[in-house]
N, C-alpha and C. Protein backbone atom coordinates (compact mmCIF):
# COMPACT_ATOMS: atom_id res chain seq x y z
N UNK A 1 -9.04 1.50 11.93
CA UNK A 1 -7.77 1.27 11.35
C UNK A 1 -7.30 2.44 11.17
N UNK A 2 -5.98 2.06 11.53
CA UNK A 2 -5.18 3.54 11.21
C UNK A 2 -4.46 3.05 9.47
N UNK A 3 -4.67 4.00 8.84
CA UNK A 3 -3.99 3.96 7.35
C UNK A 3 -3.21 5.06 6.94
N UNK A 4 -2.02 4.82 6.68
CA UNK A 4 -0.95 5.78 6.27
C UNK A 4 -1.11 6.06 4.58
N UNK A 5 -1.06 7.39 4.13
CA UNK A 5 -1.39 7.58 2.77
C UNK A 5 -0.21 8.48 2.25
N UNK A 6 0.49 8.12 1.26
CA UNK A 6 1.32 8.95 0.54
C UNK A 6 1.28 8.78 -1.01
N UNK A 7 1.52 10.01 -1.74
CA UNK A 7 1.55 10.36 -3.03
C UNK A 7 2.40 11.60 -3.44
N UNK A 8 2.41 11.48 -4.75
CA UNK A 8 2.92 12.84 -5.41
C UNK A 8 1.71 13.61 -6.19
N UNK A 9 2.02 14.26 -6.89
CA UNK A 9 1.16 15.31 -7.68
C UNK A 9 -0.01 14.30 -8.13
N UNK A 10 0.59 13.25 -8.87
CA UNK A 10 -0.46 12.58 -9.67
C UNK A 10 -1.44 11.75 -9.08
N UNK A 11 -1.36 11.61 -7.84
CA UNK A 11 -2.46 10.91 -7.07
C UNK A 11 -2.75 11.97 -5.80
N UNK A 12 -2.47 13.17 -5.80
CA UNK A 12 -2.94 13.94 -5.05
C UNK A 12 -4.56 13.93 -4.96
N UNK A 13 -5.42 14.41 -5.97
CA UNK A 13 -6.78 14.35 -5.77
C UNK A 13 -7.41 12.97 -5.22
N UNK A 14 -6.82 12.04 -5.75
CA UNK A 14 -7.30 10.64 -5.08
C UNK A 14 -7.01 10.63 -3.96
N UNK A 15 -5.79 10.82 -3.46
CA UNK A 15 -5.55 10.88 -1.80
C UNK A 15 -6.48 11.60 -0.91
N UNK A 16 -6.83 12.82 -1.49
CA UNK A 16 -7.91 13.53 -0.86
C UNK A 16 -9.05 13.04 -0.59
N UNK A 17 -9.57 12.30 -1.84
CA UNK A 17 -10.76 11.43 -1.81
C UNK A 17 -10.82 10.46 -0.97
N UNK A 18 -9.69 9.75 -0.91
CA UNK A 18 -9.65 8.62 0.03
C UNK A 18 -9.46 9.02 1.56
N UNK A 19 -8.83 10.15 1.73
CA UNK A 19 -8.74 10.28 3.20
C UNK A 19 -10.14 10.64 3.52
N UNK A 20 -10.78 11.30 2.81
CA UNK A 20 -12.37 11.66 3.35
C UNK A 20 -13.10 10.15 3.38
N UNK A 21 -12.94 9.45 2.24
CA UNK A 21 -13.74 8.14 2.20
C UNK A 21 -13.14 7.35 3.58
N UNK A 22 -11.93 7.19 4.03
CA UNK A 22 -11.54 6.42 5.28
C UNK A 22 -12.25 6.99 6.47
N UNK A 23 -12.23 8.39 6.58
CA UNK A 23 -12.71 8.72 7.66
C UNK A 23 -14.35 8.67 7.67
N UNK A 24 -15.00 8.71 6.74
CA UNK A 24 -16.44 8.26 6.77
C UNK A 24 -16.60 7.10 6.82
N UNK A 25 -15.93 6.04 6.84
CA UNK A 25 -16.05 4.70 7.01
C UNK A 25 -15.35 4.11 8.40
N UNK A 26 -15.00 5.22 9.05
CA UNK A 26 -14.58 4.78 10.39
C UNK A 26 -13.10 4.35 10.61
N UNK A 27 -12.13 4.72 9.77
CA UNK A 27 -10.76 4.42 9.58
C UNK A 27 -10.14 5.61 10.18
N UNK A 28 -8.82 5.69 10.60
CA UNK A 28 -7.95 6.79 11.00
C UNK A 28 -7.06 7.02 9.93
N UNK A 29 -7.47 7.92 8.68
CA UNK A 29 -6.34 8.29 7.91
C UNK A 29 -5.03 9.21 8.23
N UNK A 30 -3.77 8.98 8.17
CA UNK A 30 -2.89 9.68 8.46
C UNK A 30 -2.06 10.18 6.97
N UNK A 31 -2.30 11.28 6.87
CA UNK A 31 -1.65 11.73 5.52
C UNK A 31 -0.28 12.36 5.58
N UNK A 32 0.52 11.16 4.77
CA UNK A 32 1.94 11.59 4.99
C UNK A 32 2.60 12.51 3.60
N UNK A 33 1.54 13.16 2.76
CA UNK A 33 1.90 14.07 1.81
C UNK A 33 1.60 13.26 0.42
N UNK A 34 1.69 14.03 -0.60
CA UNK A 34 2.03 15.59 -0.61
C UNK A 34 0.79 16.31 0.15
N UNK A 35 1.12 17.62 0.41
CA UNK A 35 0.31 18.29 1.21
C UNK A 35 -0.50 19.32 0.25
N UNK A 36 0.01 19.38 -0.96
CA UNK A 36 -0.53 20.43 -2.04
C UNK A 36 -0.20 19.76 -3.36
N UNK A 37 -0.89 20.40 -4.18
CA UNK A 37 -0.75 19.91 -5.54
C UNK A 37 0.59 20.76 -5.92
N UNK A 38 1.47 19.85 -6.61
CA UNK A 38 2.86 20.53 -7.00
C UNK A 38 3.43 19.64 -8.11
N UNK A 39 3.01 19.99 -9.41
CA UNK A 39 3.41 19.11 -10.47
C UNK A 39 5.05 18.54 -10.62
N UNK A 40 5.75 19.49 -9.70
CA UNK A 40 7.22 19.19 -9.72
C UNK A 40 7.81 18.25 -8.56
N UNK A 41 6.77 17.69 -7.84
CA UNK A 41 7.18 17.11 -6.65
C UNK A 41 7.67 15.61 -7.04
N UNK A 42 8.37 14.97 -6.02
CA UNK A 42 8.69 13.54 -6.33
C UNK A 42 8.13 12.47 -5.36
N UNK A 43 7.68 11.44 -5.92
CA UNK A 43 6.93 10.60 -4.91
C UNK A 43 7.79 9.80 -3.71
N UNK A 44 9.22 9.46 -3.97
CA UNK A 44 9.84 8.71 -2.97
C UNK A 44 9.57 9.45 -1.63
N UNK A 45 9.76 10.66 -1.27
CA UNK A 45 9.64 10.94 0.06
C UNK A 45 8.27 10.79 0.71
N UNK A 46 7.17 10.92 -0.19
CA UNK A 46 5.85 10.76 0.67
C UNK A 46 5.49 9.34 0.68
N UNK A 47 5.75 8.40 -0.37
CA UNK A 47 5.48 7.17 -0.25
C UNK A 47 6.49 6.49 0.77
N UNK A 48 7.75 6.80 0.77
CA UNK A 48 8.68 6.08 1.65
C UNK A 48 8.27 6.52 3.31
N UNK A 49 7.89 7.65 3.58
CA UNK A 49 7.25 7.84 4.67
C UNK A 49 6.23 7.26 5.12
N UNK A 50 5.02 7.07 4.15
CA UNK A 50 3.69 6.08 4.47
C UNK A 50 4.21 4.68 4.79
N UNK A 51 5.29 4.27 3.95
CA UNK A 51 5.46 2.84 3.94
C UNK A 51 6.38 2.78 5.40
N UNK A 52 7.28 3.80 5.82
CA UNK A 52 8.06 3.54 6.82
C UNK A 52 7.13 3.47 8.39
N UNK A 53 6.08 4.19 8.29
CA UNK A 53 5.10 4.41 9.50
C UNK A 53 4.38 3.44 9.34
N UNK A 54 3.89 2.44 8.20
CA UNK A 54 3.17 1.46 8.23
C UNK A 54 4.13 0.10 8.75
N UNK A 55 5.19 0.17 8.58
CA UNK A 55 6.07 -1.11 8.84
C UNK A 55 6.30 -0.81 10.44
N UNK A 56 6.34 0.50 10.88
CA UNK A 56 6.72 0.56 12.17
C UNK A 56 5.58 0.39 13.15
N UNK A 57 4.68 0.29 12.73
CA UNK A 57 3.17 0.13 13.43
C UNK A 57 2.36 -1.15 13.07
N UNK A 58 2.69 -2.34 13.46
CA UNK A 58 2.03 -3.31 13.26
C UNK A 58 0.60 -3.22 13.16
N UNK A 59 -0.15 -4.03 12.42
CA UNK A 59 -1.82 -3.78 12.54
C UNK A 59 -2.45 -2.46 11.79
N UNK A 60 -1.35 -1.90 11.09
CA UNK A 60 -1.85 -0.74 10.35
C UNK A 60 -1.64 -1.09 8.88
N UNK A 61 -2.17 -0.33 8.00
CA UNK A 61 -1.92 -0.27 6.63
C UNK A 61 -1.41 0.85 6.01
N UNK A 62 -0.86 0.72 4.65
CA UNK A 62 -0.52 2.11 3.78
C UNK A 62 -1.24 1.57 2.60
N UNK A 63 -1.45 3.13 1.92
CA UNK A 63 -2.03 3.11 0.65
C UNK A 63 -1.00 4.10 0.08
N UNK A 64 -0.47 3.81 -1.23
CA UNK A 64 0.53 4.54 -1.93
C UNK A 64 -0.06 4.84 -3.37
N UNK A 65 0.10 6.03 -3.99
CA UNK A 65 -0.62 6.31 -4.89
C UNK A 65 0.20 7.26 -5.92
N UNK A 66 0.28 7.09 -7.36
CA UNK A 66 0.86 7.78 -8.18
C UNK A 66 0.14 7.49 -9.62
N UNK A 67 0.81 8.12 -10.75
CA UNK A 67 0.18 7.89 -12.20
C UNK A 67 -0.42 6.52 -12.31
N UNK A 68 0.54 5.64 -12.28
CA UNK A 68 0.43 4.20 -12.67
C UNK A 68 0.32 3.37 -11.46
N UNK A 69 1.01 3.80 -10.31
CA UNK A 69 1.40 2.91 -9.12
C UNK A 69 2.39 2.19 -9.19
N UNK A 70 3.16 2.27 -10.22
CA UNK A 70 4.58 1.34 -10.28
C UNK A 70 5.52 1.50 -9.48
N UNK A 71 6.02 2.90 -9.74
CA UNK A 71 7.10 3.61 -8.88
C UNK A 71 6.81 3.69 -7.47
N UNK A 72 5.58 3.66 -7.16
CA UNK A 72 5.17 3.91 -5.81
C UNK A 72 5.33 2.19 -5.18
N UNK A 73 4.89 1.41 -5.82
CA UNK A 73 4.91 -0.02 -5.29
C UNK A 73 6.49 -0.27 -4.98
N UNK A 74 7.23 0.02 -5.96
CA UNK A 74 8.86 -0.25 -6.06
C UNK A 74 9.26 0.40 -4.84
N UNK A 75 9.06 1.80 -4.59
CA UNK A 75 9.58 2.53 -3.53
C UNK A 75 9.06 1.78 -2.12
N UNK A 76 7.96 1.66 -2.08
CA UNK A 76 7.39 1.07 -0.69
C UNK A 76 7.97 -0.07 -0.50
N UNK A 77 8.15 -1.12 -1.38
CA UNK A 77 8.78 -2.34 -1.04
C UNK A 77 10.12 -2.20 -0.82
N UNK A 78 10.88 -1.13 -0.98
CA UNK A 78 12.41 -1.03 -0.30
C UNK A 78 12.31 -0.88 1.02
N UNK A 79 11.30 -0.74 1.93
CA UNK A 79 11.26 -0.52 3.16
C UNK A 79 11.12 -1.86 3.89
N UNK A 80 11.92 -1.94 4.87
CA UNK A 80 11.99 -3.34 5.51
C UNK A 80 10.58 -3.40 6.16
N UNK A 81 9.97 -4.50 5.96
CA UNK A 81 8.77 -4.92 6.71
C UNK A 81 7.63 -4.66 6.00
N UNK A 82 7.80 -4.20 4.75
CA UNK A 82 6.58 -3.69 3.79
C UNK A 82 6.52 -4.70 3.06
N UNK A 83 5.26 -5.14 2.76
CA UNK A 83 4.82 -5.91 1.54
C UNK A 83 3.82 -5.37 0.78
N UNK A 84 4.10 -4.61 -0.07
CA UNK A 84 3.37 -3.76 -0.96
C UNK A 84 2.85 -4.46 -2.31
N UNK A 85 1.58 -4.45 -2.75
CA UNK A 85 0.91 -4.81 -3.99
C UNK A 85 0.41 -3.84 -4.72
N UNK A 86 0.79 -4.01 -6.28
CA UNK A 86 0.10 -2.99 -7.02
C UNK A 86 -1.35 -3.78 -7.21
N UNK A 87 -2.20 -2.99 -7.01
CA UNK A 87 -3.85 -3.32 -7.34
C UNK A 87 -4.32 -2.71 -8.35
N UNK A 88 -4.82 -3.45 -9.26
CA UNK A 88 -5.55 -2.83 -10.42
C UNK A 88 -7.13 -3.47 -10.52
N UNK A 89 -7.47 -4.49 -9.90
CA UNK A 89 -9.03 -5.00 -10.09
C UNK A 89 -9.16 -5.58 -8.81
N UNK A 90 -10.48 -6.04 -8.23
CA UNK A 90 -10.90 -6.49 -7.15
C UNK A 90 -10.14 -7.59 -6.71
N UNK A 91 -9.86 -8.54 -7.64
CA UNK A 91 -9.12 -9.66 -7.28
C UNK A 91 -7.90 -9.50 -6.65
N UNK A 92 -7.07 -8.57 -7.27
CA UNK A 92 -5.66 -8.27 -6.88
C UNK A 92 -5.86 -7.37 -5.44
N UNK A 93 -6.80 -6.71 -5.33
CA UNK A 93 -6.95 -6.21 -3.97
C UNK A 93 -7.21 -7.25 -2.82
N UNK A 94 -7.99 -8.15 -3.19
CA UNK A 94 -8.26 -9.35 -2.23
C UNK A 94 -7.40 -10.24 -1.99
N UNK A 95 -6.57 -10.66 -3.23
CA UNK A 95 -5.34 -11.62 -3.01
C UNK A 95 -4.16 -10.86 -2.29
N UNK A 96 -4.02 -9.68 -2.53
CA UNK A 96 -2.76 -8.98 -2.05
C UNK A 96 -2.80 -9.30 -0.43
N UNK A 97 -4.02 -9.33 0.22
CA UNK A 97 -4.36 -9.69 1.79
C UNK A 97 -4.39 -11.08 2.01
N UNK A 98 -5.14 -11.67 0.98
CA UNK A 98 -5.46 -13.27 1.28
C UNK A 98 -4.15 -14.04 1.01
N UNK A 99 -3.54 -13.78 0.29
CA UNK A 99 -2.43 -14.95 -0.01
C UNK A 99 -0.92 -14.20 0.28
N UNK A 100 -0.93 -12.98 0.35
CA UNK A 100 0.33 -12.20 0.37
C UNK A 100 0.59 -11.39 1.74
N UNK A 101 -0.43 -11.45 2.67
CA UNK A 101 -0.53 -10.60 4.02
C UNK A 101 0.06 -9.04 3.72
N UNK A 102 -0.40 -8.55 2.45
CA UNK A 102 0.29 -7.14 2.21
C UNK A 102 -0.27 -6.12 3.06
N UNK A 103 0.65 -5.30 3.50
CA UNK A 103 0.39 -4.27 4.32
C UNK A 103 0.13 -3.05 3.94
N UNK A 104 0.63 -2.68 2.41
CA UNK A 104 0.32 -1.73 1.52
C UNK A 104 0.11 -2.04 0.28
N UNK A 105 -0.90 -1.16 -0.35
CA UNK A 105 -1.20 -1.31 -1.55
C UNK A 105 -0.96 0.17 -2.42
N UNK A 106 -0.82 -0.13 -3.57
CA UNK A 106 -0.60 0.98 -4.74
C UNK A 106 -1.57 1.01 -5.50
N UNK A 107 -2.05 2.11 -5.84
CA UNK A 107 -3.27 2.51 -6.81
C UNK A 107 -2.81 3.50 -7.93
N UNK A 108 -2.85 3.21 -9.17
CA UNK A 108 -2.43 4.05 -10.19
C UNK A 108 -3.73 5.03 -10.32
N UNK A 109 -3.32 6.19 -9.75
CA UNK A 109 -4.67 7.34 -10.00
C UNK A 109 -5.00 7.55 -11.22
N UNK A 110 -4.21 7.55 -12.27
CA UNK A 110 -4.60 7.79 -13.62
C UNK A 110 -5.22 6.56 -14.34
N UNK A 111 -5.25 5.62 -13.40
CA UNK A 111 -5.82 4.11 -14.06
C UNK A 111 -7.18 4.04 -13.59
N UNK A 112 -7.50 4.53 -12.52
CA UNK A 112 -8.88 4.36 -11.92
C UNK A 112 -9.60 5.64 -11.44
N UNK A 113 -10.89 5.51 -11.48
CA UNK A 113 -11.68 6.76 -10.88
C UNK A 113 -11.77 6.42 -9.56
N UNK A 114 -12.28 7.56 -8.60
CA UNK A 114 -12.26 7.41 -7.22
C UNK A 114 -13.10 6.23 -6.87
N UNK A 115 -14.11 5.98 -7.21
CA UNK A 115 -15.08 5.01 -6.76
C UNK A 115 -14.49 3.92 -6.72
N UNK A 116 -13.79 3.50 -7.99
CA UNK A 116 -13.13 2.12 -8.01
C UNK A 116 -11.88 2.17 -7.16
N UNK A 117 -11.28 3.16 -6.80
CA UNK A 117 -10.05 2.90 -6.02
C UNK A 117 -10.59 2.64 -4.56
N UNK A 118 -11.84 3.68 -4.36
CA UNK A 118 -12.31 3.24 -2.96
C UNK A 118 -12.67 1.85 -2.72
N UNK A 119 -13.17 1.38 -3.84
CA UNK A 119 -13.66 0.02 -3.54
C UNK A 119 -12.61 -0.98 -3.49
N UNK A 120 -11.34 -0.62 -4.25
CA UNK A 120 -10.10 -1.50 -4.06
C UNK A 120 -9.61 -1.37 -2.50
N UNK A 121 -9.59 -0.07 -1.86
CA UNK A 121 -9.17 -0.16 -0.60
C UNK A 121 -10.12 -0.85 0.36
N UNK A 122 -11.44 -0.50 0.13
CA UNK A 122 -12.51 -1.62 0.92
C UNK A 122 -12.38 -2.85 0.99
N UNK A 123 -11.96 -3.43 -0.36
CA UNK A 123 -11.66 -4.86 -0.41
C UNK A 123 -10.37 -5.31 0.41
N UNK A 124 -9.45 -4.66 0.18
CA UNK A 124 -8.05 -4.58 0.85
C UNK A 124 -8.25 -4.68 2.25
N UNK A 125 -8.94 -3.89 2.87
CA UNK A 125 -8.92 -3.53 4.33
C UNK A 125 -9.86 -4.62 4.97
N UNK A 126 -10.86 -5.01 3.92
CA UNK A 126 -11.72 -6.05 4.89
C UNK A 126 -11.50 -7.35 4.62
N UNK A 127 -10.34 -7.59 3.97
CA UNK A 127 -9.87 -9.07 3.53
C UNK A 127 -8.90 -9.43 4.84
N UNK A 128 -8.79 -10.61 5.31
CA UNK A 128 -8.09 -11.16 6.30
C UNK A 128 -7.13 -11.87 5.53
N UNK A 129 -5.63 -12.04 6.09
CA UNK A 129 -4.76 -13.15 5.41
C UNK A 129 -5.19 -14.40 5.85
N UNK A 130 -5.13 -15.31 4.82
CA UNK A 130 -5.70 -16.57 4.99
C UNK A 130 -4.90 -17.54 6.05
N UNK A 131 -3.65 -17.22 6.09
CA UNK A 131 -2.77 -18.11 7.10
C UNK A 131 -2.60 -19.54 6.60
N UNK A 132 -2.63 -19.75 5.39
CA UNK A 132 -2.47 -21.17 4.70
C UNK A 132 -1.19 -21.17 4.94
N UNK A 133 -0.63 -22.63 5.20
CA UNK A 133 0.71 -22.77 5.32
C UNK A 133 1.44 -22.37 4.15
N UNK A 134 1.08 -22.76 2.92
CA UNK A 134 2.00 -22.54 1.59
C UNK A 134 2.14 -21.02 1.52
N UNK A 135 1.23 -20.19 1.94
CA UNK A 135 1.39 -18.45 1.73
C UNK A 135 2.32 -18.05 2.91
N UNK A 136 2.07 -18.72 4.32
CA UNK A 136 3.16 -18.33 5.22
C UNK A 136 4.40 -18.66 4.94
N UNK A 137 4.49 -19.87 4.34
CA UNK A 137 5.95 -20.27 4.09
C UNK A 137 6.85 -19.41 3.04
N UNK A 138 5.86 -18.86 1.91
CA UNK A 138 6.38 -17.95 0.89
C UNK A 138 6.89 -16.71 1.61
N UNK A 139 6.07 -16.18 2.40
CA UNK A 139 6.12 -14.96 3.20
C UNK A 139 7.28 -15.16 3.99
N UNK A 140 7.54 -16.25 4.78
CA UNK A 140 8.81 -16.57 5.64
C UNK A 140 10.03 -16.38 4.72
N UNK A 141 9.95 -16.87 3.66
CA UNK A 141 11.26 -16.87 2.80
C UNK A 141 11.46 -15.45 2.37
N UNK A 142 10.43 -14.50 1.98
CA UNK A 142 10.83 -13.34 1.76
C UNK A 142 11.24 -12.35 3.11
N UNK A 143 10.74 -12.75 3.85
CA UNK A 143 11.43 -12.03 5.25
C UNK A 143 12.46 -12.47 5.34
N UNK A 144 12.97 -13.86 5.34
CA UNK A 144 14.65 -14.16 5.68
C UNK A 144 15.42 -13.51 4.72
N UNK A 145 15.00 -13.41 3.41
CA UNK A 145 15.84 -12.88 2.57
C UNK A 145 16.11 -11.49 2.74
N UNK A 146 14.74 -10.70 3.32
CA UNK A 146 15.06 -9.41 3.69
C UNK A 146 15.89 -8.87 4.49
N UNK A 147 16.07 -10.13 5.56
CA UNK A 147 17.17 -9.89 6.73
C UNK A 147 18.43 -10.26 6.60
N UNK A 148 18.36 -11.45 5.44
CA UNK A 148 19.74 -11.81 5.58
C UNK A 148 20.45 -11.68 4.02
N UNK A 149 19.71 -11.68 3.09
CA UNK A 149 20.30 -11.51 1.50
C UNK A 149 20.53 -12.63 1.10
N UNK A 150 20.04 -13.91 1.98
CA UNK A 150 20.46 -15.22 1.09
C UNK A 150 19.31 -15.66 0.40
N UNK A 151 19.41 -16.16 -0.85
CA UNK A 151 18.35 -16.40 -1.41
C UNK A 151 17.76 -17.91 -1.02
N UNK A 152 16.56 -18.11 -0.49
CA UNK A 152 16.20 -19.49 -0.10
C UNK A 152 16.31 -20.70 -1.18
N UNK A 153 16.85 -21.53 -0.50
CA UNK A 153 17.11 -22.90 -1.02
C UNK A 153 18.53 -22.93 -1.80
N UNK A 154 19.16 -21.84 -1.40
CA UNK A 154 20.63 -21.73 -2.26
C UNK A 154 21.93 -22.08 -1.54
């Protein structure tokens, strides 16, 4: 499975670990930066690049990383076609896929050690979208809003 990764300096070490972990587990990681540790860099270019590439290639996933993961999830969700979820425990990793059909996850690199973050990624990638009608209906509402700007039911 192809997985696009993007981070700033705060998630740089974790990204390097996850790239190796993904390779070891038969996935195809695509590093969208940062490509070196630079404490002065900003996350938007790297995160937006990973999110754009994920949205442009159906069937792929994205991982964005930062200190808390909050700014990164916000940035990723600015990209049309991305449903990014902030993951902070096993349940949120599973539910992001199962209920929300998320294609990008955000992880706070300062909040979790490498082994825990890899477990979140493993759970996320292994979980299928449930396709339950209530979840599909909600995703369709968000997609329609993304395309039209009209609030559902308004």
